[in-house]
Amino acid sequence: MISRFDMPCFVRRSNAVDAEAAARAVLSGRADVTPKTGEGPAADMRVLRLAKESAVKARTQAKNQLKAVLLGVDPALREALSKLSNTALIARCADLPDAGDAAVFTLRLLARRIQQLTAEVKELTRRVSKAVHRCHPQLLRSCRACGAGRGRAD
């Protein structure tokens, strides 16, 4: 195992410096190398986190697009929707009737995409929490105590 403390603390650190120090430690015999297997709880959490970050990013894009499309709809509809909270706006847009208007159709489509992505984020958050609880329940308790790692899923 390569120790991150093989370098003096006064050396300015970077990924390149760390990589060189790790390579030198392995070549000198001070450390051995155990490659990641791509299996186990850490790998599971890594792919779940990847999927969650992707869903959060896509949801943010869809919300921004919905707000941009909202600017081009009929002024009466825009006025009615502008007073709503984000959650209420998304719910209302998801239920808009198909009146043949391209902007209204797009609002409905984007709102439904946001709802689907929100459900994905919640499910991925649940699975990550479950995986952490199985492997290291004490980490979950300490996160709950300080409120860290609890991003909003709405």
Foldseek 3Di string as FASTA:
>chain_A
DDDQPQDDPVDDDDPVVSVVSRVVCCVVPVDPDDDDPCDDLVNVLVVLVVVLVVLVVVLVVLLVVLVVLLVVDDPVVSVVLVVDDSVVSLVVLLPDDPPVDPSSVSNNVSSVSNVVSLVSNVVSVVVSLVSCCVPPVVVVVVCVVVVPPDDDSD
